[in-house]
Amino acid sequence: MTREQRRWLRRGLTALGVVIVGAGAAVVTIGPGLVESSMNKLEPGPLPDVSPRARALHQRLHVVDLHADTLMWDRDLLERADRGHVDLPRLREGHVALQVFSSVSKSPKGQNYESNTGDTDNITLLTMVQLQPPRTWGSLLQRSLHHAEKLEQAARDSGGTLILIRTRGDIDRLVAAREAGQDVTGALFSVEGLQNLEGRLDNLDTLEAAGMRMAGFTHFFDNELAGSMHGVDRGGLTDLGRQAFDAMEQRGIIVDVAHASHAAIDEMLQRATRPLVASHGGVQATCNVNRNLTDDEIRGIARTGGVVGVGYWDAAICELTPKAVVDAIEHVIAVGGIETAALGSDYDGAVTVAWDTSDLAVITQELLDRGHSEDEIAAIMGGNTLRVLRAVLPESHIPAAQPH
């Protein structure tokens, strides 16, 4: 190779390096936003006009949403985003008193509602592209701990407008502050699937110390604790699952049956001594999708004193309208009583919805249009969920870890 050829080769390699670095930078800076925009869609349709009466009522409510996956995405929770469904400015516009933020630690490739194995994972690449700490790249536990830290940092940076909820006392202080006219929002940390225990019950201690106060046992695949509605075997609780269930009830960590197999839900209902929740989903009577609850499951949750959080996306309600949301809510009421109905949006959970959290008054309007009383609407929109939180959360401190 001549000197001139070597010189051109060096220039070519340098240029290629620049292109590779530039492409890598584009993936890191642009890629996560593009991915989220393609998955957390907002497709506005015709929504009811919110009347002055409905808006005034909505402003008096303590609205609670049992499930959003916002922590998974590379966004500042305190800044209004041009994508997704939830951030603090939009929570305040929607007059949300308390948002449950869930940690998604694993999601199978080709995810579907019918059958998935746990052999693959989409979240690993997302953690790398988002430049999350390397400890999160190969550990499901560390991913959830990172999400907990992200929520805690947002609360610290919020100037007191985002308040972490970990005890009954925190609930009482939040409600008192809002009733005194303070524009504050509560945030409770949950996890979606206890695969993040990585097979070790003592990791429950670690998650509890990080602020976890609610947990679903499974996500879209069977794991070491229970079968999933969307798994392969779809079995009940395992020995580890039973140990985790009992430990959670003892510690004041709310048990969430969402995504668990019907066999696992049945076993949880029989085992429960405290209220259970179905944080997000629908009911098979109004939307016959396998991940939705049967009437027997609604009755079972009602018997525990728990709540069913109705979501706003197509697989939960089969139609992206406030009418479809309230159809499901009214079925929950018919089967389980008014005290069992609640909201569980699944916002930012790779779902398509017709309104984001800033427009939740459309549900209040639909409930009013159906003839529900203001007391009933207050219960549905958040009062029932606050009752469950007060019944289950530790009173004012984290209980000491129990020996295993």
Protein backbone atom coordinates (compact mmCIF):
# COMPACT_ATOMS: atom_id res chain seq x y z
CA MET A 1 0.00 0.00 0.00
CA THR A 2 1.36 3.39 -0.98
CA ARG A 3 1.69 6.33 1.39
CA GLU A 4 -1.18 8.06 -0.38
CA GLN A 5 -3.40 4.99 -0.03
CA ARG A 6 -2.56 4.73 3.67
CA ARG A 7 -3.42 8.39 4.12
CA TRP A 8 -6.81 7.93 2.45
CA LEU A 9 -7.44 4.79 4.49
CA ARG A 10 -6.76 6.70 7.72
CA ARG A 11 -9.12 9.47 6.62
CA GLY A 12 -11.76 6.91 5.74
CA LEU A 13 -11.44 5.16 9.10
CA THR A 14 -11.57 8.48 10.91
CA ALA A 15 -14.70 9.46 9.01
CA LEU A 16 -16.25 6.07 9.73
CA GLY A 17 -15.45 6.52 13.40
CA VAL A 18 -17.12 9.92 13.40
CA VAL A 19 -20.20 8.42 11.75
CA ILE A 20 -20.32 5.56 14.28
CA VAL A 21 -19.91 7.91 17.24
CA GLY A 22 -22.53 10.24 15.79
CA ALA A 23 -24.92 7.38 15.21
CA GLY A 24 -24.34 6.15 18.76
CA ALA A 25 -25.00 9.62 20.13
CA ALA A 26 -28.20 9.86 18.08
CA VAL A 27 -29.38 6.50 19.43
CA VAL A 28 -28.75 7.65 22.99
CA THR A 29 -30.23 11.15 22.64
CA ILE A 30 -33.06 10.56 20.18
CA GLY A 31 -33.74 6.82 20.31
CA PRO A 32 -35.43 6.55 23.74
CA GLY A 33 -37.85 9.35 22.90
CA LEU A 34 -38.73 7.81 19.55
CA VAL A 35 -39.27 4.42 21.17
CA GLU A 36 -41.57 5.86 23.81
CA SER A 37 -43.49 7.99 21.32
CA SER A 38 -44.17 4.87 19.26
CA MET A 39 -45.41 2.91 22.29
CA ASN A 40 -47.16 5.38 24.61
CA LYS A 41 -49.61 6.80 22.14
CA LEU A 42 -52.26 9.45 22.62
CA GLU A 43 -55.01 9.23 20.01
CA PRO A 44 -57.62 11.81 21.02
CA GLY A 45 -61.15 11.02 19.97
CA PRO A 46 -64.42 12.79 20.68
CA LEU A 47 -64.54 13.50 24.41
CA PRO A 48 -67.44 14.96 26.38
CA ASP A 49 -67.34 18.64 27.20
CA VAL A 50 -66.64 19.04 30.89
CA SER A 51 -69.37 21.14 32.45
CA PRO A 52 -68.71 23.78 35.11
CA ARG A 53 -70.42 21.51 37.65
CA ALA A 54 -68.24 18.52 36.74
CA ARG A 55 -65.07 20.62 36.79
CA ALA A 56 -65.93 22.11 40.18
CA LEU A 57 -66.65 18.62 41.55
CA HIS A 58 -63.43 17.25 40.08
CA GLN A 59 -61.46 19.95 41.86
CA ARG A 60 -62.88 18.77 45.19
CA LEU A 61 -62.02 15.10 44.66
CA HIS A 62 -59.00 13.19 45.93
CA VAL A 63 -58.24 11.45 42.62
CA VAL A 64 -56.03 8.35 42.87
CA ASP A 65 -54.57 6.33 39.98
CA LEU A 66 -53.33 2.85 40.93
CA HIS A 67 -50.85 2.29 38.09
CA ALA A 68 -48.52 4.17 35.74
CA ASP A 69 -45.20 2.97 34.24
CA THR A 70 -43.64 6.42 33.83
CA LEU A 71 -40.43 5.53 35.71
CA MET A 72 -39.40 3.18 32.90
CA TRP A 73 -38.88 6.04 30.44
CA ASP A 74 -36.06 8.56 30.05
CA ARG A 75 -37.98 11.67 31.12
CA ASP A 76 -37.86 14.20 33.92
CA LEU A 77 -40.98 13.56 35.99
CA LEU A 78 -41.07 17.22 37.05
CA GLU A 79 -41.14 18.62 33.50
CA ARG A 80 -44.10 18.58 31.14
CA ALA A 81 -43.19 16.23 28.27
CA ASP A 82 -44.37 16.24 24.66
CA ARG A 83 -44.81 12.46 24.81
CA GLY A 84 -46.29 9.88 27.13
CA HIS A 85 -49.19 10.34 29.51
CA VAL A 86 -47.93 11.32 32.98
CA ASP A 87 -45.67 13.93 34.54
CA LEU A 88 -46.11 16.21 37.54
CA PRO A 89 -47.45 19.21 35.58
CA ARG A 90 -50.13 17.03 33.95
CA LEU A 91 -50.95 15.32 37.26
CA ARG A 92 -51.58 18.75 38.74
CA GLU A 93 -53.73 19.79 35.78
CA GLY A 94 -55.76 16.60 36.19
CA HIS A 95 -56.07 17.29 39.93
CA VAL A 96 -54.57 13.90 40.81
CA ALA A 97 -53.99 13.58 44.55
CA LEU A 98 -51.95 10.39 44.41
CA GLN A 99 -50.24 8.50 41.61
CA VAL A 100 -48.90 4.96 42.03
CA PHE A 101 -45.69 4.66 40.01
CA SER A 102 -44.75 1.10 39.07
CA SER A 103 -41.36 -0.37 38.19
CA VAL A 104 -41.26 -2.62 35.11
CA SER A 105 -38.13 -4.74 35.35
CA LYS A 106 -38.63 -7.23 32.51
CA SER A 107 -40.78 -7.53 29.40
CA PRO A 108 -40.56 -10.42 26.89
CA LYS A 109 -39.94 -9.88 23.19
CA GLY A 110 -43.07 -10.33 21.12
CA GLN A 111 -45.13 -9.61 24.22
CA ASN A 112 -48.76 -10.66 23.86
CA TYR A 113 -51.78 -11.39 26.04
CA GLU A 114 -51.95 -15.11 25.29
CA SER A 115 -48.63 -16.84 25.99
CA ASN A 116 -45.07 -15.68 26.72
CA THR A 117 -41.96 -17.29 28.15
CA GLY A 118 -39.46 -15.48 30.35
CA ASP A 119 -36.55 -16.38 28.06
CA THR A 120 -36.19 -12.92 26.46
CA ASP A 121 -36.27 -9.34 27.66
CA ASN A 122 -36.88 -5.98 26.00
CA ILE A 123 -35.94 -3.87 29.02
CA THR A 124 -32.23 -4.76 28.95
CA LEU A 125 -31.61 -2.85 25.73
CA LEU A 126 -33.73 0.05 26.98
CA THR A 127 -31.61 0.37 30.13
CA MET A 128 -28.44 0.51 28.02
CA VAL A 129 -29.72 2.97 25.44
CA GLN A 130 -31.00 5.24 28.22
CA LEU A 131 -27.52 5.14 29.81
CA GLN A 132 -28.88 3.86 33.09
CA PRO A 133 -26.23 2.74 35.62
CA PRO A 134 -24.45 -0.43 34.42
CA ARG A 135 -25.66 -2.23 37.56
CA THR A 136 -29.15 -2.16 36.01
CA TRP A 137 -28.12 -3.82 32.76
CA GLY A 138 -28.05 -7.35 34.12
CA SER A 139 -30.05 -7.17 37.35
CA LEU A 140 -33.83 -6.93 37.62
CA LEU A 141 -33.51 -5.96 41.29
CA GLN A 142 -31.17 -3.08 40.45
CA ARG A 143 -33.56 -1.83 37.76
CA SER A 144 -36.33 -1.48 40.33
CA LEU A 145 -33.98 0.12 42.83
CA HIS A 146 -32.96 2.62 40.13
CA HIS A 147 -36.63 3.43 39.53
CA ALA A 148 -37.15 3.93 43.26
CA GLU A 149 -34.15 6.28 43.38
CA LYS A 150 -35.49 8.18 40.38
CA LEU A 151 -38.83 8.75 42.12
CA GLU A 152 -37.15 9.74 45.38
CA GLN A 153 -34.90 12.22 43.56
CA ALA A 154 -37.91 13.76 41.82
CA ALA A 155 -39.59 14.24 45.20
CA ARG A 156 -36.45 15.89 46.59
CA ASP A 157 -36.20 18.21 43.59
CA SER A 158 -39.90 19.13 43.58
CA GLY A 159 -39.75 21.72 46.34
CA GLY A 160 -42.31 19.79 48.37
CA THR A 161 -44.91 19.49 45.59
CA LEU A 162 -44.33 15.74 45.08
CA ILE A 163 -44.66 13.79 48.32
CA LEU A 164 -43.59 10.17 48.77
CA ILE A 165 -46.28 7.99 50.34
CA ARG A 166 -45.01 5.16 52.54
CA THR A 167 -47.22 5.15 55.65
CA ARG A 168 -50.78 5.84 56.75
CA GLY A 169 -49.49 9.03 58.27
CA ASP A 170 -48.23 10.15 54.87
CA ILE A 171 -51.73 9.63 53.45
CA ASP A 172 -53.29 11.71 56.22
CA ARG A 173 -50.75 14.52 55.73
CA LEU A 174 -51.30 14.52 51.95
CA VAL A 175 -55.07 14.75 52.27
CA ALA A 176 -54.84 17.46 54.95
CA ALA A 177 -52.46 19.51 52.80
CA ARG A 178 -54.72 19.31 49.75
CA GLU A 179 -57.80 20.16 51.78
CA ALA A 180 -55.89 23.20 53.10
CA GLY A 181 -55.43 24.34 49.48
CA GLN A 182 -51.84 23.20 48.92
CA ASP A 183 -51.11 22.00 45.36
CA VAL A 184 -49.26 18.80 46.30
CA THR A 185 -49.31 15.34 44.75
CA GLY A 186 -48.55 12.02 46.40
CA ALA A 187 -46.38 9.31 44.81
CA LEU A 188 -46.36 5.68 45.92
CA PHE A 189 -43.74 3.23 44.59
CA SER A 190 -44.88 -0.15 43.31
CA VAL A 191 -43.36 -2.96 41.25
CA GLU A 192 -44.91 -4.88 38.38
CA GLY A 193 -43.81 -8.45 38.87
CA LEU A 194 -41.68 -9.86 41.69
CA GLN A 195 -39.25 -11.42 39.25
CA ASN A 196 -37.07 -8.57 40.59
CA LEU A 197 -36.60 -10.58 43.81
CA GLU A 198 -34.29 -12.69 41.63
CA GLY A 199 -35.48 -15.77 43.51
CA ARG A 200 -34.48 -14.45 46.97
CA LEU A 201 -37.07 -13.58 49.60
CA ASP A 202 -34.58 -11.38 51.46
CA ASN A 203 -34.61 -9.00 48.48
CA LEU A 204 -38.08 -8.05 49.69
CA ASP A 205 -36.26 -6.29 52.56
CA THR A 206 -34.22 -4.29 50.06
CA LEU A 207 -37.24 -3.24 48.02
CA GLU A 208 -39.22 -2.34 51.12
CA ALA A 209 -36.37 -0.18 52.38
CA ALA A 210 -36.30 1.54 48.96
CA GLY A 211 -39.95 2.53 49.43
CA MET A 212 -41.92 -0.27 47.73
CA ARG A 213 -45.44 -0.32 49.19
CA MET A 214 -47.30 -2.29 46.50
CA ALA A 215 -46.31 -5.22 44.32
CA GLY A 216 -47.81 -7.40 41.62
CA PHE A 217 -46.50 -10.96 41.63
CA THR A 218 -46.17 -11.40 37.86
CA HIS A 219 -46.02 -9.47 34.62
CA PHE A 220 -46.29 -11.06 31.16
CA PHE A 221 -44.60 -14.39 31.98
CA ASP A 222 -44.56 -17.03 34.70
CA ASN A 223 -41.86 -16.43 37.30
CA GLU A 224 -40.46 -17.99 40.48
CA LEU A 225 -43.41 -16.81 42.56
CA ALA A 226 -46.54 -17.37 40.49
CA GLY A 227 -48.10 -18.04 37.12
CA SER A 228 -49.08 -15.18 34.83
CA MET A 229 -52.32 -14.78 32.88
CA HIS A 230 -50.04 -14.42 29.88
CA GLY A 231 -47.56 -17.18 30.73
CA VAL A 232 -47.15 -20.75 29.53
CA ASP A 233 -48.04 -22.90 32.55
CA ARG A 234 -50.23 -20.28 34.30
CA GLY A 235 -49.99 -22.07 37.63
CA GLY A 236 -50.79 -20.82 41.11
CA LEU A 237 -48.43 -19.53 43.77
CA THR A 238 -45.14 -21.30 44.36
CA ASP A 239 -43.66 -21.85 47.83
CA LEU A 240 -41.64 -18.66 47.35
CA GLY A 241 -44.79 -16.87 46.25
CA ARG A 242 -46.66 -17.96 49.38
CA GLN A 243 -43.79 -16.82 51.59
CA ALA A 244 -43.67 -13.46 49.80
CA PHE A 245 -47.46 -13.05 50.06
CA ASP A 246 -47.46 -13.65 53.81
CA ALA A 247 -44.46 -11.37 54.34
CA MET A 248 -46.07 -8.56 52.35
CA GLU A 249 -49.29 -8.75 54.34
CA GLN A 250 -47.33 -8.73 57.59
CA ARG A 251 -45.26 -5.69 56.56
CA GLY A 252 -48.04 -3.55 55.10
CA ILE A 253 -47.10 -3.96 51.43
CA ILE A 254 -50.22 -4.02 49.25
CA VAL A 255 -50.72 -7.17 47.18
CA ASP A 256 -51.65 -6.47 43.56
CA VAL A 257 -53.25 -9.34 41.61
CA ALA A 258 -52.87 -7.66 38.18
CA HIS A 259 -51.38 -10.00 35.53
CA ALA A 260 -51.46 -13.01 37.88
CA SER A 261 -52.98 -16.19 36.48
CA HIS A 262 -56.53 -17.06 37.43
CA ALA A 263 -55.15 -19.94 39.54
CA ALA A 264 -52.78 -17.57 41.37
CA ILE A 265 -55.52 -14.98 41.93
CA ASP A 266 -57.78 -17.69 43.38
CA GLU A 267 -55.05 -18.75 45.80
CA MET A 268 -54.32 -15.14 46.80
CA LEU A 269 -57.99 -14.52 47.50
CA GLN A 270 -58.15 -17.59 49.74
CA ARG A 271 -54.94 -16.59 51.54
CA ALA A 272 -55.72 -12.89 52.01
CA THR A 273 -56.21 -11.36 55.45
CA ARG A 274 -55.97 -7.77 54.16
CA PRO A 275 -57.47 -5.91 51.19
CA LEU A 276 -56.11 -6.86 47.77
CA VAL A 277 -56.08 -4.66 44.68
CA ALA A 278 -56.23 -5.27 40.95
CA SER A 279 -54.25 -2.17 40.06
CA HIS A 280 -55.03 -1.88 36.34
CA GLY A 281 -57.20 -3.70 33.84
CA GLY A 282 -60.79 -4.33 33.02
CA VAL A 283 -63.59 -6.84 33.45
CA GLN A 284 -64.44 -9.69 31.12
CA ALA A 285 -68.15 -8.83 31.21
CA THR A 286 -67.59 -5.61 29.23
CA CYS A 287 -64.32 -6.49 27.44
CA ASN A 288 -63.69 -10.21 27.01
CA VAL A 289 -59.89 -10.24 27.11
CA ASN A 290 -58.08 -12.90 29.14
CA ARG A 291 -56.17 -10.38 31.28
CA ASN A 292 -59.44 -8.94 32.59
CA LEU A 293 -61.20 -10.09 35.75
CA THR A 294 -64.06 -12.55 35.99
CA ASP A 295 -67.09 -11.78 38.14
CA ASP A 296 -65.92 -14.33 40.72
CA GLU A 297 -62.59 -12.52 40.97
CA ILE A 298 -64.33 -9.16 41.40
CA ARG A 299 -66.44 -10.66 44.20
CA GLY A 300 -63.34 -12.13 45.79
CA ILE A 301 -61.49 -8.82 45.78
CA ALA A 302 -64.58 -7.12 47.21
CA ARG A 303 -64.70 -9.66 50.05
CA THR A 304 -61.16 -8.70 51.05
CA GLY A 305 -62.19 -5.04 51.17
CA GLY A 306 -60.04 -4.28 48.14
CA VAL A 307 -60.52 -2.39 44.89
CA VAL A 308 -60.46 -2.97 41.13
CA GLY A 309 -58.63 -0.27 39.17
CA VAL A 310 -60.17 0.17 35.71
CA GLY A 311 -57.81 1.23 32.92
CA TYR A 312 -58.29 3.36 29.81
CA TRP A 313 -56.60 1.38 27.01
CA ASP A 314 -58.14 -0.91 24.40
CA ALA A 315 -57.33 -4.31 25.95
CA ALA A 316 -58.87 -3.19 29.25
CA ILE A 317 -62.09 -1.60 28.00
CA CYS A 318 -62.21 -2.52 24.25
CA GLU A 319 -63.04 1.06 23.23
CA LEU A 320 -61.12 4.28 23.91
CA THR A 321 -63.96 6.29 25.43
CA PRO A 322 -64.97 7.52 28.89
CA LYS A 323 -68.21 5.58 28.30
CA ALA A 324 -66.27 2.30 28.09
CA VAL A 325 -64.36 3.13 31.29
CA VAL A 326 -67.59 3.82 33.17
CA ASP A 327 -69.25 0.71 31.68
CA ALA A 328 -66.51 -1.34 33.35
CA ILE A 329 -66.71 0.66 36.59
CA GLU A 330 -70.47 0.17 36.76
CA HIS A 331 -70.04 -3.58 36.29
CA VAL A 332 -67.56 -3.63 39.17
CA ILE A 333 -70.16 -1.79 41.25
CA ALA A 334 -72.94 -4.19 40.23
CA VAL A 335 -70.84 -7.22 41.20
CA GLY A 336 -68.66 -5.99 44.06
CA GLY A 337 -70.37 -2.86 45.37
CA ILE A 338 -69.60 0.84 45.05
CA GLU A 339 -66.69 0.49 47.52
CA THR A 340 -64.79 -1.79 45.08
CA ALA A 341 -64.52 0.59 42.10
CA ALA A 342 -61.30 2.51 41.43
CA LEU A 343 -59.05 3.90 38.69
CA GLY A 344 -55.93 2.20 37.29
CA SER A 345 -54.90 3.85 34.04
CA ASP A 346 -51.76 1.90 33.01
CA TYR A 347 -50.52 5.22 31.64
CA ASP A 348 -47.04 5.07 30.07
CA GLY A 349 -47.30 1.28 29.97
CA ALA A 350 -46.80 0.95 26.20
CA VAL A 351 -50.52 1.57 25.68
CA THR A 352 -52.68 3.77 23.46
CA VAL A 353 -55.20 6.00 25.22
CA ALA A 354 -57.53 8.82 24.16
CA TRP A 355 -56.68 11.24 26.99
CA ASP A 356 -53.74 11.74 29.32
CA THR A 357 -53.83 12.39 33.04
CA SER A 358 -54.45 16.12 32.57
CA ASP A 359 -57.95 15.33 31.22
CA LEU A 360 -59.27 12.97 33.91
CA ALA A 361 -62.26 15.22 34.46
CA VAL A 362 -63.85 13.53 31.44
CA ILE A 363 -64.44 10.48 33.66
CA THR A 364 -66.03 12.65 36.34
CA GLN A 365 -68.29 14.09 33.65
CA GLU A 366 -69.32 10.64 32.40
CA LEU A 367 -70.10 9.50 35.94
CA LEU A 368 -72.24 12.58 36.50
CA ASP A 369 -74.02 12.01 33.18
CA ARG A 370 -74.86 8.46 34.34
CA GLY A 371 -76.58 9.83 37.44
CA HIS A 372 -73.99 8.93 40.08
CA SER A 373 -74.08 11.02 43.22
CA GLU A 374 -71.17 13.22 44.22
CA ASP A 375 -70.40 10.87 47.13
CA GLU A 376 -70.31 7.88 44.78
CA ILE A 377 -68.03 9.72 42.37
CA ALA A 378 -65.70 10.72 45.21
CA ALA A 379 -65.43 7.05 46.22
CA ILE A 380 -64.80 5.80 42.67
CA MET A 381 -62.27 8.47 41.72
CA GLY A 382 -60.06 7.90 44.75
CA GLY A 383 -61.83 7.59 48.06
CA ASN A 384 -62.03 3.80 47.88
CA THR A 385 -58.32 3.50 47.12
CA LEU A 386 -57.37 5.83 49.98
CA ARG A 387 -59.40 3.59 52.29
CA VAL A 388 -57.41 0.55 51.16
CA LEU A 389 -54.08 2.35 51.57
CA ARG A 390 -55.02 3.37 55.09
CA ALA A 391 -56.03 -0.21 55.88
CA VAL A 392 -52.81 -1.83 54.65
CA LEU A 393 -49.86 0.57 54.83
CA PRO A 394 -47.76 0.62 58.01
CA GLU A 395 -49.08 3.21 60.43
CA SER A 396 -46.08 5.45 60.80
CA HIS A 397 -42.90 3.46 60.41
CA ILE A 398 -41.31 0.60 58.45
CA PRO A 399 -41.73 -2.63 60.42
CA ALA A 400 -38.54 -4.41 61.34
CA ALA A 401 -37.44 -7.07 58.87
CA GLN A 402 -38.58 -10.52 59.90
CA PRO A 403 -36.25 -13.54 59.95
CA HIS A 404 -36.65 -15.93 57.04
